[in-house]
Protein backbone atom coordinates (compact mmCIF):
# COMPACT_ATOMS: atom_id res chain seq x y z
CA MET A 1 45.70 96.43 26.89
CA ASP A 2 45.09 93.41 28.23
CA ASP A 3 43.37 95.20 31.02
CA GLU A 4 42.71 92.24 32.95
CA ASN A 5 46.35 91.00 33.18
CA GLU A 6 48.09 94.22 33.14
CA GLY A 7 45.65 95.46 36.21
CA LEU A 8 47.01 92.83 38.07
CA ARG A 9 50.87 93.42 37.12
CA ARG A 10 53.36 95.75 38.31
CA CYS A 11 56.96 96.68 37.20
CA PRO A 12 59.63 95.35 38.67
CA GLU A 13 61.99 98.30 38.02
CA CYS A 14 59.50 101.17 38.98
CA ASP A 15 56.39 99.67 40.27
CA SER A 16 54.15 101.47 37.89
CA ASP A 17 50.93 99.22 36.96
CA ASN A 18 50.91 100.98 33.51
CA LEU A 19 51.86 98.37 31.17
CA ALA A 20 51.01 97.80 27.69
CA LYS A 21 51.13 94.83 25.33
CA SER A 22 52.61 94.76 21.79
CA THR A 23 50.26 92.54 19.81
CA ASP A 24 52.85 92.49 17.04
CA ARG A 25 55.64 91.27 19.21
CA GLY A 26 54.02 89.64 21.99
CA GLU A 27 55.76 91.25 25.01
CA LEU A 28 54.46 93.05 27.82
CA VAL A 29 56.39 96.58 28.58
CA CYS A 30 55.95 98.93 31.11
CA GLU A 31 55.19 102.45 29.37
CA ASP A 32 56.71 104.73 32.46
CA CYS A 33 60.45 103.09 32.17
CA GLY A 34 60.40 101.29 29.04
CA LEU A 35 61.28 97.95 30.69
CA VAL A 36 60.23 94.84 28.80
CA VAL A 37 58.42 93.05 31.65
CA GLU A 38 57.30 89.65 29.59
CA GLU A 39 58.49 88.16 26.01
CA GLU A 40 57.04 85.79 24.15
CA ASN A 41 53.47 85.60 25.04
CA ILE A 42 51.68 83.11 22.99
CA ASP A 43 49.51 85.21 20.58
CA PRO A 44 46.33 83.92 20.24
CA GLY A 45 45.60 86.15 17.51
CA PRO A 46 45.75 85.31 13.34
CA GLU A 47 49.13 84.71 11.92
CA TRP A 48 48.81 87.58 9.60
CA ARG A 49 49.47 91.28 10.14
CA ALA A 50 46.97 94.02 9.06
CA PHE A 51 47.18 97.62 9.35
CA ASN A 52 43.30 98.94 9.21
CA HIS A 53 40.16 97.87 8.98
CA ALA A 54 39.45 97.28 5.41
CA GLU A 55 42.71 95.18 5.38
CA ARG A 56 41.88 93.30 8.38
CA GLN A 57 38.42 92.19 6.69
CA GLN A 58 39.87 91.23 3.56
CA LYS A 59 41.88 88.57 5.35
CA SER A 60 39.83 87.15 7.53
CA ARG A 61 39.04 84.12 6.70
CA VAL A 62 35.96 83.32 9.48
CA GLY A 63 32.26 82.22 8.07
CA ALA A 64 29.53 84.42 8.83
CA PRO A 65 28.17 84.51 12.66
CA THR A 66 26.00 81.86 13.87
CA THR A 67 22.32 82.73 13.63
CA GLN A 68 18.90 81.84 15.27
CA THR A 69 16.99 82.20 11.85
CA MET A 70 18.64 78.86 10.25
CA HIS A 71 17.21 75.04 11.26
CA ASP A 72 21.63 74.69 12.03
CA LYS A 73 22.43 77.81 13.33
CA GLY A 74 24.23 78.16 10.43
CA LEU A 75 26.98 75.94 11.01
CA THR A 76 26.68 73.57 7.88
CA THR A 77 28.58 74.01 4.85
CA THR A 78 26.94 75.75 1.74
CA ILE A 79 28.16 74.95 -1.65
CA ASP A 80 28.11 77.97 -3.83
CA TRP A 81 26.00 77.81 -6.99
CA LYS A 82 28.20 79.82 -8.95
CA ASP A 83 30.26 77.26 -10.45
CA LYS A 84 34.01 78.98 -10.14
CA ASP A 85 37.21 77.75 -8.72
CA ALA A 86 39.05 79.38 -5.72
CA TYR A 87 40.67 81.91 -8.60
CA GLY A 88 37.10 82.80 -10.10
CA ARG A 89 37.85 80.54 -13.51
CA SER A 90 34.42 78.94 -14.70
CA ILE A 91 34.94 74.81 -13.83
CA SER A 92 34.68 72.24 -16.20
CA SER A 93 31.89 70.24 -17.43
CA LYS A 94 32.62 66.92 -15.94
CA LYS A 95 33.54 69.37 -12.59
CA ARG A 96 29.83 71.34 -12.92
CA SER A 97 27.99 68.15 -12.78
CA GLN A 98 29.64 66.62 -9.57
CA MET A 99 29.45 70.01 -7.94
CA HIS A 100 25.76 69.69 -8.94
CA ARG A 101 25.23 66.15 -7.25
CA LEU A 102 27.29 67.49 -4.20
CA ARG A 103 25.42 70.50 -3.60
CA LYS A 104 21.98 68.33 -4.07
CA TRP A 105 22.97 65.57 -1.35
CA GLN A 106 24.60 68.40 1.01
CA GLU A 107 20.65 69.91 0.63
CA ARG A 108 19.36 66.74 1.77
CA ILE A 109 21.58 66.04 4.79
CA ARG A 110 21.19 69.06 6.05
CA THR A 111 18.30 67.71 8.29
CA LYS A 112 18.48 64.59 9.76
CA ASP A 113 14.96 64.25 10.37
CA ALA A 114 10.99 65.38 10.16
CA GLY A 115 11.58 67.44 13.38
CA GLU A 116 14.38 69.29 11.58
CA ARG A 117 13.11 69.90 8.45
CA ASN A 118 9.62 71.13 10.35
CA LEU A 119 11.87 73.58 11.86
CA GLN A 120 13.68 74.58 8.60
CA PHE A 121 9.62 75.34 7.39
CA ALA A 122 8.96 77.21 10.20
CA LEU A 123 11.79 79.57 9.83
CA SER A 124 12.13 79.97 6.21
CA GLU A 125 8.18 81.05 7.01
CA ILE A 126 9.57 83.61 9.54
CA ASP A 127 11.92 85.09 7.09
CA ARG A 128 9.60 85.08 4.49
CA MET A 129 6.92 86.97 6.29
CA ALA A 130 9.62 89.33 7.97
CA SER A 131 11.22 90.36 4.29
CA ALA A 132 7.41 90.97 3.22
CA LEU A 133 6.84 93.09 6.33
CA GLY A 134 10.04 94.65 5.65
CA VAL A 135 11.25 94.07 9.69
CA PRO A 136 15.21 94.54 10.39
CA ARG A 137 16.91 91.26 10.63
CA SER A 138 17.11 91.78 14.64
CA VAL A 139 13.22 90.73 14.97
CA ARG A 140 13.58 87.93 12.91
CA GLU A 141 16.38 86.63 15.35
CA VAL A 142 14.17 87.13 18.30
CA ALA A 143 11.14 85.59 16.52
CA SER A 144 13.12 82.64 15.86
CA VAL A 145 14.05 82.65 19.47
CA ILE A 146 10.38 82.38 20.19
CA TYR A 147 9.81 79.70 17.75
CA ARG A 148 12.59 77.69 19.24
CA ARG A 149 11.31 77.87 22.98
CA SER A 150 7.96 77.12 21.68
CA LEU A 151 9.01 73.71 19.96
CA ALA A 152 11.23 72.98 22.95
CA ASP A 153 8.16 73.57 25.47
CA ASP A 154 5.84 71.41 23.06
CA LEU A 155 3.57 74.14 22.37
CA ILE A 156 3.23 73.02 18.45
CA ARG A 157 1.66 70.20 19.37
CA GLY A 158 -2.16 70.75 18.10
CA ARG A 159 -1.28 73.74 16.27
CA SER A 160 -0.43 74.57 12.58
CA ILE A 161 3.53 75.35 12.01
CA GLU A 162 2.36 78.01 9.90
CA GLY A 163 0.38 79.64 12.80
CA VAL A 164 2.98 79.34 15.85
CA ALA A 165 5.64 80.90 13.26
CA THR A 166 3.16 83.80 12.25
CA SER A 167 2.35 84.39 15.96
CA ALA A 168 6.38 84.38 16.89
CA LEU A 169 6.84 86.84 14.37
CA TYR A 170 4.27 89.18 15.63
CA ALA A 171 5.51 88.85 19.24
CA ALA A 172 8.91 89.80 18.13
CA CYS A 173 7.32 92.88 16.14
CA ARG A 174 5.82 94.07 19.67
CA LYS A 175 9.34 93.08 21.52
CA GLU A 176 11.68 94.89 19.67
CA GLY A 177 9.43 98.20 19.49
CA ILE A 178 8.64 98.13 15.96
CA PRO A 179 4.80 96.51 15.98
CA ARG A 180 2.80 95.72 13.26
CA SER A 181 -0.77 94.91 13.08
CA LEU A 182 -2.61 91.89 13.25
CA GLU A 183 -4.17 92.76 9.81
CA GLU A 184 -0.72 93.47 8.55
CA ILE A 185 0.73 90.09 9.67
CA SER A 186 -2.42 88.14 8.17
CA GLU A 187 -1.64 89.89 4.87
CA VAL A 188 1.72 87.84 4.61
CA SER A 189 0.99 84.91 6.40
CA ARG A 190 -1.04 81.89 5.37
CA VAL A 191 -3.17 81.78 8.47
CA GLU A 192 -6.34 83.43 9.11
CA ARG A 193 -6.26 86.77 11.76
CA LYS A 194 -8.37 84.53 14.51
CA GLU A 195 -5.87 81.62 14.70
CA ILE A 196 -2.87 84.24 14.62
CA GLY A 197 -4.34 86.02 17.66
CA ARG A 198 -5.54 82.90 19.21
CA THR A 199 -1.66 81.02 18.88
CA TYR A 200 -0.16 84.43 19.98
CA ARG A 201 -2.07 84.89 23.43
CA TYR A 202 -1.35 81.01 24.10
CA VAL A 203 2.37 81.26 23.03
CA SER A 204 2.98 84.67 25.20
CA GLN A 205 0.99 83.15 27.86
CA GLU A 206 2.83 79.82 28.48
CA LEU A 207 6.14 81.29 27.39
CA ALA A 208 5.78 84.18 30.05
CA LEU A 209 7.14 86.82 27.40
CA GLU A 210 5.41 89.79 29.76
CA MET A 211 4.05 91.91 26.59
CA ARG A 212 3.23 95.05 27.47
CA PRO A 213 0.35 96.89 25.60
CA VAL A 214 1.65 98.92 22.29
CA ASP A 215 2.28 102.56 22.08
CA PRO A 216 -0.20 103.76 19.51
CA LYS A 217 2.50 106.67 18.95
CA LYS A 218 4.85 103.84 17.35
CA TYR A 219 2.12 103.86 14.54
CA VAL A 220 2.34 107.61 13.64
CA PRO A 221 5.75 107.66 11.75
CA ARG A 222 4.90 104.69 9.57
CA PHE A 223 1.17 106.33 8.78
CA CYS A 224 2.37 109.79 8.62
CA SER A 225 4.81 108.81 6.10
CA GLU A 226 2.48 106.74 4.14
CA LEU A 227 -0.25 109.41 3.77
CA THR A 228 2.78 112.21 3.06
CA LEU A 229 2.24 114.65 6.16
CA SER A 230 4.80 116.70 7.59
CA GLU A 231 6.40 116.52 11.09
CA GLU A 232 4.10 119.04 12.40
CA VAL A 233 1.33 116.48 11.83
CA GLN A 234 3.44 113.82 13.56
CA ALA A 235 3.81 115.83 16.53
CA LYS A 236 0.62 117.09 17.12
CA ALA A 237 -0.74 113.56 16.72
CA ASN A 238 1.92 112.75 19.32
CA ASP A 239 0.46 115.40 21.65
CA ILE A 240 -3.05 114.18 20.91
CA ILE A 241 -2.23 110.79 21.72
CA GLU A 242 -0.46 111.76 25.20
CA THR A 243 -2.91 114.43 26.24
CA THR A 244 -5.69 112.22 26.00
CA ALA A 245 -4.27 108.84 26.97
CA ASP A 246 -3.46 110.61 30.28
CA GLU A 247 -7.28 111.18 30.74
CA GLY A 248 -7.71 106.86 30.36
CA LEU A 249 -9.11 107.48 26.94
CA LEU A 250 -6.53 104.44 25.14
CA SER A 251 -7.75 101.57 27.75
CA GLY A 252 -9.67 98.72 26.14
CA LYS A 253 -9.08 100.54 22.53
CA SER A 254 -7.05 99.31 19.66
CA PRO A 255 -3.72 101.26 19.37
CA THR A 256 -3.73 101.25 15.13
CA GLY A 257 -7.12 102.70 15.31
CA TYR A 258 -6.35 105.30 18.25
CA ALA A 259 -3.45 106.30 16.34
CA ALA A 260 -5.39 106.43 12.95
CA ALA A 261 -7.53 109.16 14.44
CA ALA A 262 -4.93 110.97 16.23
CA ILE A 263 -3.34 111.49 12.81
CA TYR A 264 -7.15 112.45 11.41
CA ALA A 265 -7.43 114.92 13.99
CA ALA A 266 -3.63 116.52 13.95
CA SER A 267 -3.95 116.91 9.56
CA LEU A 268 -7.51 118.97 10.32
CA LEU A 269 -5.40 121.06 12.95
CA CYS A 270 -2.75 121.99 11.02
CA ASN A 271 -4.69 122.43 7.77
CA GLU A 272 -3.18 118.98 5.73
CA LYS A 273 -6.63 117.51 5.34
CA LYS A 274 -7.16 113.89 4.91
CA THR A 275 -9.89 111.92 4.59
CA GLN A 276 -10.92 109.46 6.91
CA ARG A 277 -11.31 106.73 3.95
CA GLU A 278 -7.58 107.69 3.29
CA VAL A 279 -6.35 106.91 7.09
CA ALA A 280 -8.51 104.43 7.41
CA ASP A 281 -6.81 102.39 4.47
CA VAL A 282 -3.45 103.12 5.95
CA ALA A 283 -4.18 101.92 9.25
CA GLN A 284 -6.34 98.91 8.04
CA VAL A 285 -9.00 100.06 10.23
CA THR A 286 -12.68 101.13 9.63
CA GLU A 287 -13.75 104.69 8.85
CA VAL A 288 -16.18 104.17 11.91
CA THR A 289 -13.50 103.17 13.68
CA ILE A 290 -11.54 106.77 13.20
CA ARG A 291 -15.00 108.44 13.46
CA ASN A 292 -15.82 107.16 17.34
CA ARG A 293 -12.06 107.97 18.17
CA TYR A 294 -11.79 111.19 16.68
CA GLN A 295 -14.86 112.28 18.54
CA GLU A 296 -13.81 110.94 22.01
CA GLN A 297 -10.30 112.40 21.38
CA ILE A 298 -11.39 115.98 20.42
CA GLU A 299 -14.03 116.17 23.37
CA ALA A 300 -11.33 115.28 25.66
CA MET A 301 -9.10 118.07 24.44
CA GLY A 302 -12.11 120.37 24.46
CA ILE A 303 -11.71 120.86 20.89
CA HIS A 304 -15.26 121.85 19.34
CA SER A 305 -15.55 119.95 15.76
């Protein structure tokens, strides 16, 4: 049904507004009395017919959707490296060397100036780090948009490309509700933790990203999974975080350290004991942090160790 047009039209025979568009014949038909209201409509669809999703996908000739993760948004030509023709047959050695030259020149002309080359490098860095962190494609898209905005607002000047690219990825992880700690980000980056934090604060302030504080509960499933703890421990850790945060204990504390202490406390309460060292290694915080947060949390909950 073409809702916009059919909603405005009525059948001249029975005055019904129940009109349906026949996509294969290009006709507008009244479903109540069967009158063909309009015929020979221009069909904007493809010239081929398909009867299910698999057939439609097989016959479709369009390329991949545009993406912010590539400097040219994925709109340029890509010459395949397989050296085969349209029928899957291997091409001759003369053609192979010709395709190799074409491929080389295609790669060279994709970037027209130093600015585009720098953007290409930054986006490839974001892609590399995102792959190493195992974050979904949506995070890469958001990080690429943040980097492009930083570039448009001239925030890169005086800062390293890698630093801004890494801070864009860190911001994107927080935006998409898949937080990664600065320690985890700096492990896959070529930039030091201090510079990432400094650049992130500058970029988020200049672009008015309005970042909300990270909820420690977002870290609990991942940490519990790495520590092979049960869902009972996970639920108990979330419970501890909620109860103690309501009493104002979370203010000014690191969310990773807070989540780690809650998991440690929950593992003791559920008889699935993990050492402070094991939890600290997974959360990438110190044992001292876990001990301090743990003491604060059990006191707030009225539990005596």
